[in-house]
Amino acid sequence: MIVVPIKEGENLERALKKLKRKFDKTGVVKELRNRQKFTKPSVINREKHLKAIYVQHLRQQELDK
């Protein structure tokens, strides 16, 4: 359960924003989306590999500057 402490007289919109931020950090929505479909392990590994190549490329560009 997500608990958001609210100060006395705090704006409701601000409290909802805090709740939304905490909810996003838990990763519940991301997990639900992943569980809606089955992804083969080979596809997951390929995506990880491509992401690693992309990140490495970005880091290399930063070093070249």
N, C-alpha and C. Protein backbone atom coordinates (compact mmCIF):
# COMPACT_ATOMS: atom_id res chain seq x y z
N MET A 1 0.84 -1.17 0.00
CA MET A 1 0.00 0.00 0.00
C MET A 1 0.89 1.24 0.00
N ILE A 2 0.52 2.21 -0.78
CA ILE A 2 1.28 3.45 -0.88
C ILE A 2 0.69 4.47 0.09
N VAL A 3 1.56 5.02 0.94
CA VAL A 3 1.14 6.01 1.92
C VAL A 3 1.83 7.33 1.58
N VAL A 4 1.04 8.39 1.46
CA VAL A 4 1.58 9.71 1.16
C VAL A 4 1.25 10.64 2.32
N PRO A 5 2.30 11.08 3.05
CA PRO A 5 2.02 12.01 4.15
C PRO A 5 1.65 13.39 3.60
N ILE A 6 0.57 13.95 4.12
CA ILE A 6 0.10 15.26 3.67
C ILE A 6 0.19 16.23 4.83
N LYS A 7 0.80 17.38 4.56
CA LYS A 7 0.92 18.41 5.59
C LYS A 7 -0.41 19.14 5.75
N GLU A 8 -0.57 19.76 6.89
CA GLU A 8 -1.79 20.50 7.18
C GLU A 8 -1.97 21.64 6.18
N GLY A 9 -3.11 21.69 5.52
CA GLY A 9 -3.41 22.76 4.57
C GLY A 9 -2.72 22.59 3.22
N GLU A 10 -2.18 21.40 2.94
CA GLU A 10 -1.51 21.19 1.65
C GLU A 10 -2.54 21.05 0.54
N ASN A 11 -2.18 21.54 -0.62
CA ASN A 11 -3.06 21.51 -1.77
C ASN A 11 -3.32 20.06 -2.20
N LEU A 12 -4.56 19.76 -2.58
CA LEU A 12 -4.93 18.42 -2.99
C LEU A 12 -4.19 18.00 -4.26
N GLU A 13 -4.02 18.92 -5.18
CA GLU A 13 -3.32 18.61 -6.44
C GLU A 13 -1.88 18.20 -6.17
N ARG A 14 -1.25 18.89 -5.22
CA ARG A 14 0.13 18.56 -4.86
C ARG A 14 0.22 17.16 -4.25
N ALA A 15 -0.76 16.83 -3.42
CA ALA A 15 -0.80 15.50 -2.79
C ALA A 15 -1.00 14.42 -3.85
N LEU A 16 -1.86 14.68 -4.81
CA LEU A 16 -2.07 13.71 -5.89
C LEU A 16 -0.81 13.55 -6.73
N LYS A 17 -0.09 14.63 -6.92
CA LYS A 17 1.16 14.58 -7.68
C LYS A 17 2.18 13.70 -6.95
N LYS A 18 2.25 13.84 -5.61
CA LYS A 18 3.15 13.01 -4.81
C LYS A 18 2.77 11.54 -4.94
N LEU A 19 1.46 11.27 -4.86
CA LEU A 19 0.98 9.89 -4.98
C LEU A 19 1.35 9.31 -6.33
N LYS A 20 1.14 10.08 -7.37
CA LYS A 20 1.45 9.60 -8.72
C LYS A 20 2.94 9.30 -8.86
N ARG A 21 3.78 10.18 -8.30
CA ARG A 21 5.22 9.99 -8.37
C ARG A 21 5.64 8.71 -7.65
N LYS A 22 5.08 8.48 -6.46
CA LYS A 22 5.40 7.27 -5.71
C LYS A 22 4.92 6.03 -6.46
N PHE A 23 3.74 6.12 -7.04
CA PHE A 23 3.16 4.99 -7.78
C PHE A 23 4.03 4.65 -8.98
N ASP A 24 4.54 5.67 -9.68
CA ASP A 24 5.41 5.42 -10.82
C ASP A 24 6.73 4.77 -10.40
N LYS A 25 7.24 5.18 -9.25
CA LYS A 25 8.51 4.62 -8.77
C LYS A 25 8.40 3.14 -8.42
N THR A 26 7.23 2.70 -8.02
CA THR A 26 7.06 1.29 -7.64
C THR A 26 7.10 0.38 -8.87
N GLY A 27 6.73 0.90 -10.04
CA GLY A 27 6.79 0.11 -11.27
C GLY A 27 5.62 -0.84 -11.44
N VAL A 28 4.51 -0.58 -10.79
CA VAL A 28 3.35 -1.47 -10.85
C VAL A 28 2.78 -1.51 -12.28
N VAL A 29 2.62 -0.36 -12.88
CA VAL A 29 2.02 -0.30 -14.22
C VAL A 29 2.92 -1.01 -15.24
N LYS A 30 4.22 -0.79 -15.13
CA LYS A 30 5.17 -1.44 -16.05
C LYS A 30 5.10 -2.95 -15.91
N GLU A 31 5.02 -3.43 -14.68
CA GLU A 31 4.92 -4.86 -14.43
C GLU A 31 3.63 -5.44 -15.01
N LEU A 32 2.52 -4.73 -14.86
CA LEU A 32 1.25 -5.20 -15.41
C LEU A 32 1.31 -5.30 -16.93
N ARG A 33 1.92 -4.32 -17.56
CA ARG A 33 2.03 -4.36 -19.02
C ARG A 33 2.89 -5.52 -19.48
N ASN A 34 3.95 -5.80 -18.73
CA ASN A 34 4.82 -6.93 -19.10
C ASN A 34 4.12 -8.26 -18.93
N ARG A 35 3.22 -8.36 -17.97
CA ARG A 35 2.53 -9.62 -17.72
C ARG A 35 1.35 -9.86 -18.66
N GLN A 36 0.95 -8.86 -19.43
CA GLN A 36 -0.18 -9.03 -20.34
C GLN A 36 0.18 -9.90 -21.53
N LYS A 37 1.44 -9.94 -21.88
CA LYS A 37 1.85 -10.75 -23.03
C LYS A 37 3.11 -11.53 -22.67
N PHE A 38 3.30 -12.65 -23.33
CA PHE A 38 4.50 -13.44 -23.09
C PHE A 38 5.55 -13.04 -24.12
N THR A 39 6.75 -12.79 -23.63
CA THR A 39 7.86 -12.46 -24.50
C THR A 39 8.91 -13.55 -24.36
N LYS A 40 9.33 -14.08 -25.49
CA LYS A 40 10.32 -15.15 -25.47
C LYS A 40 11.63 -14.64 -24.87
N PRO A 41 12.33 -15.51 -24.14
CA PRO A 41 13.60 -15.10 -23.55
C PRO A 41 14.62 -14.61 -24.58
N SER A 42 14.59 -15.19 -25.78
CA SER A 42 15.53 -14.75 -26.81
C SER A 42 15.25 -13.32 -27.24
N VAL A 43 13.98 -12.94 -27.27
CA VAL A 43 13.61 -11.58 -27.64
C VAL A 43 14.05 -10.61 -26.54
N ILE A 44 13.86 -11.01 -25.28
CA ILE A 44 14.29 -10.17 -24.16
C ILE A 44 15.79 -9.95 -24.21
N ASN A 45 16.54 -11.04 -24.46
CA ASN A 45 18.00 -10.93 -24.53
C ASN A 45 18.44 -10.04 -25.69
N ARG A 46 17.75 -10.15 -26.81
CA ARG A 46 18.09 -9.32 -27.97
C ARG A 46 17.85 -7.84 -27.67
N GLU A 47 16.73 -7.55 -27.00
CA GLU A 47 16.43 -6.16 -26.63
C GLU A 47 17.47 -5.61 -25.66
N LYS A 48 17.89 -6.43 -24.68
CA LYS A 48 18.93 -6.00 -23.75
C LYS A 48 20.23 -5.72 -24.48
N HIS A 49 20.57 -6.59 -25.43
CA HIS A 49 21.80 -6.44 -26.19
C HIS A 49 21.76 -5.15 -27.03
N LEU A 50 20.65 -4.90 -27.69
CA LEU A 50 20.53 -3.69 -28.51
C LEU A 50 20.57 -2.43 -27.64
N LYS A 51 19.96 -2.49 -26.47
CA LYS A 51 19.99 -1.34 -25.57
C LYS A 51 21.42 -1.09 -25.09
N ALA A 52 22.16 -2.15 -24.79
CA ALA A 52 23.54 -1.99 -24.35
C ALA A 52 24.40 -1.37 -25.44
N ILE A 53 24.18 -1.78 -26.68
CA ILE A 53 24.92 -1.19 -27.80
C ILE A 53 24.58 0.29 -27.93
N TYR A 54 23.31 0.63 -27.80
CA TYR A 54 22.87 2.02 -27.91
C TYR A 54 23.51 2.88 -26.82
N VAL A 55 23.48 2.39 -25.58
CA VAL A 55 24.05 3.13 -24.46
C VAL A 55 25.55 3.30 -24.64
N GLN A 56 26.21 2.24 -25.09
CA GLN A 56 27.65 2.31 -25.32
C GLN A 56 27.97 3.35 -26.40
N HIS A 57 27.14 3.39 -27.42
CA HIS A 57 27.33 4.37 -28.50
C HIS A 57 27.17 5.80 -27.97
N LEU A 58 26.16 6.02 -27.12
CA LEU A 58 25.96 7.34 -26.54
C LEU A 58 27.14 7.75 -25.66
N ARG A 59 27.64 6.82 -24.85
CA ARG A 59 28.78 7.12 -23.99
C ARG A 59 30.02 7.44 -24.81
N GLN A 60 30.18 6.70 -25.90
CA GLN A 60 31.35 6.95 -26.77
C GLN A 60 31.26 8.34 -27.39
N GLN A 61 30.06 8.76 -27.75
CA GLN A 61 29.89 10.11 -28.32
C GLN A 61 30.22 11.17 -27.28
N GLU A 62 29.86 10.92 -26.01
CA GLU A 62 30.17 11.87 -24.95
C GLU A 62 31.68 11.99 -24.75
N LEU A 63 32.40 10.89 -24.87
CA LEU A 63 33.85 10.92 -24.69
C LEU A 63 34.55 11.61 -25.86
N ASP A 64 33.98 11.51 -27.05
CA ASP A 64 34.59 12.12 -28.23
C ASP A 64 34.46 13.64 -28.23
N LYS A 65 33.52 14.17 -27.50
CA LYS A 65 33.32 15.62 -27.50
C LYS A 65 34.39 16.34 -26.76
